[in-house]
Amino acid sequence: MRMAELAGKEIINICNGARLGVVGESDLAIDEDSGQVRSIIIPRRGNLISFWAEKQNMIIPWDSVKKIGHEVIIVDLDQTNLNFHRYSL
């Protein structure tokens, strides 16, 4: 599958049906040696108050991806243990 084929797909968590984001508004972490996708990096949705605060990304390991369909990517994530990383603009 090509990266262009992933663009525009909604990412859905099978555990609770939550819409996590869209590929295209997110980044992919690629292993430089093998060229394989390691994870999907989704910007955490914020509100007006957090506009000036430090931004966070949700990291979805590629092994959490369970199915890639025509319109969605189904992931299996326990949202009590999500992996967030901070970054500054």
N, C-alpha and C. Protein backbone atom coordinates (compact mmCIF):
# COMPACT_ATOMS: atom_id res chain seq x y z
N MET A 1 0.84 -1.18 0.00
CA MET A 1 0.00 0.00 0.00
C MET A 1 0.88 1.23 0.00
N ARG A 2 0.49 2.20 -0.78
CA ARG A 2 1.24 3.46 -0.86
C ARG A 2 0.70 4.46 0.15
N MET A 3 1.58 5.37 0.57
CA MET A 3 1.16 6.38 1.55
C MET A 3 0.01 7.22 1.02
N ALA A 4 -0.01 7.48 -0.26
CA ALA A 4 -1.08 8.29 -0.84
C ALA A 4 -2.44 7.61 -0.67
N GLU A 5 -2.45 6.28 -0.59
CA GLU A 5 -3.71 5.55 -0.41
C GLU A 5 -4.24 5.67 1.01
N LEU A 6 -3.40 6.05 1.96
CA LEU A 6 -3.83 6.24 3.34
C LEU A 6 -4.44 7.63 3.57
N ALA A 7 -4.08 8.58 2.73
CA ALA A 7 -4.52 9.97 2.92
C ALA A 7 -6.04 10.08 2.91
N GLY A 8 -6.55 10.81 3.88
CA GLY A 8 -7.98 11.08 3.96
C GLY A 8 -8.76 10.04 4.74
N LYS A 9 -8.12 8.96 5.15
CA LYS A 9 -8.83 7.92 5.90
C LYS A 9 -8.99 8.35 7.36
N GLU A 10 -10.19 8.16 7.88
CA GLU A 10 -10.50 8.45 9.28
C GLU A 10 -9.92 7.33 10.15
N ILE A 11 -9.34 7.68 11.29
CA ILE A 11 -8.79 6.70 12.21
C ILE A 11 -9.79 6.51 13.35
N ILE A 12 -10.27 5.27 13.52
CA ILE A 12 -11.30 4.94 14.50
C ILE A 12 -10.75 3.93 15.49
N ASN A 13 -10.99 4.18 16.79
CA ASN A 13 -10.58 3.24 17.82
C ASN A 13 -11.70 2.22 18.05
N ILE A 14 -11.40 0.95 17.82
CA ILE A 14 -12.39 -0.11 17.94
C ILE A 14 -12.86 -0.29 19.40
N CYS A 15 -12.04 0.10 20.38
CA CYS A 15 -12.39 -0.09 21.79
C CYS A 15 -13.61 0.73 22.20
N ASN A 16 -13.71 1.97 21.69
CA ASN A 16 -14.81 2.84 22.10
C ASN A 16 -15.47 3.59 20.95
N GLY A 17 -15.05 3.33 19.74
CA GLY A 17 -15.65 3.98 18.58
C GLY A 17 -15.23 5.42 18.39
N ALA A 18 -14.22 5.87 19.14
CA ALA A 18 -13.78 7.27 19.06
C ALA A 18 -13.09 7.56 17.74
N ARG A 19 -13.40 8.73 17.19
CA ARG A 19 -12.72 9.23 16.00
C ARG A 19 -11.45 9.93 16.47
N LEU A 20 -10.31 9.40 16.10
CA LEU A 20 -9.04 9.92 16.59
C LEU A 20 -8.42 10.96 15.68
N GLY A 21 -8.72 10.92 14.42
CA GLY A 21 -8.15 11.87 13.48
C GLY A 21 -8.22 11.34 12.07
N VAL A 22 -7.56 12.05 11.19
CA VAL A 22 -7.55 11.71 9.76
C VAL A 22 -6.11 11.65 9.29
N VAL A 23 -5.79 10.61 8.55
CA VAL A 23 -4.46 10.54 7.94
C VAL A 23 -4.40 11.65 6.90
N GLY A 24 -3.40 12.44 6.97
CA GLY A 24 -3.27 13.63 6.13
C GLY A 24 -3.17 14.84 7.03
N GLU A 25 -3.92 14.80 8.15
CA GLU A 25 -3.79 15.81 9.19
C GLU A 25 -2.79 15.31 10.23
N SER A 26 -2.28 14.10 10.02
CA SER A 26 -1.34 13.48 10.94
C SER A 26 -0.03 13.19 10.21
N ASP A 27 0.93 12.66 10.96
CA ASP A 27 2.22 12.28 10.40
C ASP A 27 2.40 10.77 10.56
N LEU A 28 3.30 10.23 9.79
CA LEU A 28 3.69 8.83 9.92
C LEU A 28 5.15 8.77 10.31
N ALA A 29 5.50 7.94 11.31
CA ALA A 29 6.90 7.71 11.66
C ALA A 29 7.35 6.49 10.86
N ILE A 30 8.38 6.68 10.06
CA ILE A 30 8.87 5.65 9.15
C ILE A 30 10.25 5.19 9.60
N ASP A 31 10.47 3.89 9.62
CA ASP A 31 11.79 3.34 9.91
C ASP A 31 12.69 3.64 8.71
N GLU A 32 13.77 4.35 8.95
CA GLU A 32 14.65 4.79 7.87
C GLU A 32 15.33 3.63 7.15
N ASP A 33 15.61 2.56 7.88
CA ASP A 33 16.32 1.44 7.27
C ASP A 33 15.41 0.55 6.44
N SER A 34 14.24 0.23 6.98
CA SER A 34 13.35 -0.72 6.29
C SER A 34 12.29 -0.04 5.44
N GLY A 35 11.99 1.23 5.75
CA GLY A 35 10.93 1.94 5.04
C GLY A 35 9.54 1.60 5.54
N GLN A 36 9.44 0.82 6.62
CA GLN A 36 8.15 0.44 7.17
C GLN A 36 7.62 1.50 8.12
N VAL A 37 6.29 1.61 8.19
CA VAL A 37 5.65 2.56 9.10
C VAL A 37 5.79 2.03 10.52
N ARG A 38 6.27 2.88 11.44
CA ARG A 38 6.39 2.52 12.85
C ARG A 38 5.19 2.98 13.65
N SER A 39 4.66 4.16 13.32
CA SER A 39 3.53 4.69 14.08
C SER A 39 2.84 5.82 13.31
N ILE A 40 1.62 6.10 13.74
CA ILE A 40 0.86 7.24 13.24
C ILE A 40 0.89 8.28 14.34
N ILE A 41 1.20 9.52 13.99
CA ILE A 41 1.30 10.60 14.96
C ILE A 41 0.16 11.58 14.69
N ILE A 42 -0.77 11.67 15.63
CA ILE A 42 -1.96 12.50 15.45
C ILE A 42 -1.89 13.70 16.39
N PRO A 43 -2.05 14.93 15.86
CA PRO A 43 -2.09 16.09 16.75
C PRO A 43 -3.32 16.00 17.65
N ARG A 44 -3.12 16.20 18.93
CA ARG A 44 -4.23 16.18 19.88
C ARG A 44 -5.09 17.40 19.66
N ARG A 45 -6.39 17.16 19.59
CA ARG A 45 -7.32 18.27 19.40
C ARG A 45 -7.36 19.13 20.66
N GLY A 46 -7.24 20.41 20.47
CA GLY A 46 -7.25 21.32 21.60
C GLY A 46 -8.43 22.26 21.54
N ASN A 47 -8.47 23.17 22.49
CA ASN A 47 -9.50 24.20 22.50
C ASN A 47 -8.83 25.56 22.47
N LEU A 48 -9.60 26.61 22.54
CA LEU A 48 -9.06 27.96 22.45
C LEU A 48 -8.08 28.25 23.58
N ILE A 49 -8.36 27.73 24.77
CA ILE A 49 -7.47 27.97 25.91
C ILE A 49 -6.11 27.34 25.68
N SER A 50 -6.08 26.16 25.08
CA SER A 50 -4.81 25.47 24.86
C SER A 50 -4.10 25.94 23.58
N PHE A 51 -4.64 26.95 22.91
CA PHE A 51 -4.06 27.43 21.67
C PHE A 51 -2.61 27.87 21.86
N TRP A 52 -2.32 28.54 22.97
CA TRP A 52 -0.97 29.04 23.22
C TRP A 52 -0.14 28.05 24.03
N ALA A 53 -0.75 27.01 24.52
CA ALA A 53 -0.03 26.02 25.33
C ALA A 53 0.80 25.11 24.44
N GLU A 54 1.65 24.37 25.09
CA GLU A 54 2.48 23.40 24.38
C GLU A 54 1.59 22.33 23.75
N LYS A 55 1.83 22.01 22.51
CA LYS A 55 1.00 21.04 21.77
C LYS A 55 1.41 19.62 22.14
N GLN A 56 0.47 18.68 21.96
CA GLN A 56 0.74 17.28 22.22
C GLN A 56 0.31 16.45 21.02
N ASN A 57 0.99 15.35 20.82
CA ASN A 57 0.67 14.41 19.75
C ASN A 57 0.31 13.07 20.37
N MET A 58 -0.66 12.38 19.78
CA MET A 58 -0.98 11.02 20.17
C MET A 58 -0.20 10.09 19.24
N ILE A 59 0.53 9.14 19.83
CA ILE A 59 1.32 8.20 19.07
C ILE A 59 0.56 6.86 19.02
N ILE A 60 0.22 6.41 17.81
CA ILE A 60 -0.46 5.14 17.62
C ILE A 60 0.54 4.17 17.00
N PRO A 61 0.99 3.17 17.77
CA PRO A 61 1.93 2.20 17.20
C PRO A 61 1.29 1.47 16.01
N TRP A 62 2.07 1.19 14.99
CA TRP A 62 1.55 0.56 13.78
C TRP A 62 0.96 -0.82 14.07
N ASP A 63 1.47 -1.50 15.09
CA ASP A 63 0.91 -2.81 15.42
C ASP A 63 -0.47 -2.72 16.05
N SER A 64 -0.94 -1.50 16.39
CA SER A 64 -2.31 -1.30 16.87
C SER A 64 -3.32 -1.21 15.73
N VAL A 65 -2.81 -1.04 14.49
CA VAL A 65 -3.70 -0.97 13.33
C VAL A 65 -4.22 -2.38 13.05
N LYS A 66 -5.55 -2.52 13.06
CA LYS A 66 -6.16 -3.84 12.87
C LYS A 66 -6.73 -4.03 11.47
N LYS A 67 -7.21 -2.97 10.84
CA LYS A 67 -7.82 -3.09 9.51
C LYS A 67 -7.75 -1.74 8.82
N ILE A 68 -7.44 -1.79 7.53
CA ILE A 68 -7.46 -0.59 6.70
C ILE A 68 -8.53 -0.81 5.65
N GLY A 69 -9.58 0.01 5.72
CA GLY A 69 -10.67 -0.10 4.76
C GLY A 69 -10.60 1.00 3.72
N HIS A 70 -11.66 1.12 2.93
CA HIS A 70 -11.70 2.14 1.88
C HIS A 70 -11.76 3.54 2.45
N GLU A 71 -12.44 3.70 3.60
CA GLU A 71 -12.63 5.03 4.18
C GLU A 71 -12.04 5.20 5.57
N VAL A 72 -11.80 4.10 6.28
CA VAL A 72 -11.33 4.19 7.66
C VAL A 72 -10.16 3.26 7.93
N ILE A 73 -9.44 3.60 8.99
CA ILE A 73 -8.40 2.74 9.55
C ILE A 73 -8.87 2.40 10.96
N ILE A 74 -9.01 1.11 11.26
CA ILE A 74 -9.45 0.67 12.57
C ILE A 74 -8.22 0.34 13.41
N VAL A 75 -8.14 0.96 14.60
CA VAL A 75 -7.04 0.69 15.52
C VAL A 75 -7.62 0.15 16.82
N ASP A 76 -6.81 -0.57 17.55
CA ASP A 76 -7.20 -1.14 18.84
C ASP A 76 -6.32 -0.51 19.90
N LEU A 77 -6.85 0.53 20.56
CA LEU A 77 -6.09 1.26 21.57
C LEU A 77 -6.83 1.29 22.89
N ASP A 78 -6.12 1.00 23.96
CA ASP A 78 -6.64 1.20 25.29
C ASP A 78 -6.40 2.67 25.63
N GLN A 79 -7.44 3.49 25.60
CA GLN A 79 -7.25 4.93 25.75
C GLN A 79 -6.90 5.35 27.17
N THR A 80 -6.85 4.40 28.11
CA THR A 80 -6.37 4.75 29.45
C THR A 80 -4.86 4.83 29.48
N ASN A 81 -4.19 4.24 28.49
CA ASN A 81 -2.73 4.23 28.43
C ASN A 81 -2.21 4.83 27.13
N LEU A 82 -2.82 5.90 26.67
CA LEU A 82 -2.37 6.51 25.43
C LEU A 82 -1.00 7.15 25.61
N ASN A 83 -0.26 7.16 24.55
CA ASN A 83 1.08 7.71 24.55
C ASN A 83 1.05 9.10 23.91
N PHE A 84 1.25 10.14 24.73
CA PHE A 84 1.27 11.52 24.24
C PHE A 84 2.67 12.07 24.36
N HIS A 85 3.11 12.81 23.36
CA HIS A 85 4.39 13.49 23.38
C HIS A 85 4.18 14.96 23.14
N ARG A 86 4.94 15.78 23.83
CA ARG A 86 4.82 17.23 23.69
C ARG A 86 5.79 17.73 22.62
N TYR A 87 5.37 18.80 21.97
CA TYR A 87 6.28 19.47 21.06
C TYR A 87 5.94 20.96 21.08
N SER A 88 6.92 21.77 20.82
CA SER A 88 6.73 23.21 20.78
C SER A 88 6.77 23.69 19.36
N LEU A 89 6.00 24.74 19.09
CA LEU A 89 6.01 25.35 17.75
C LEU A 89 7.20 26.25 17.57
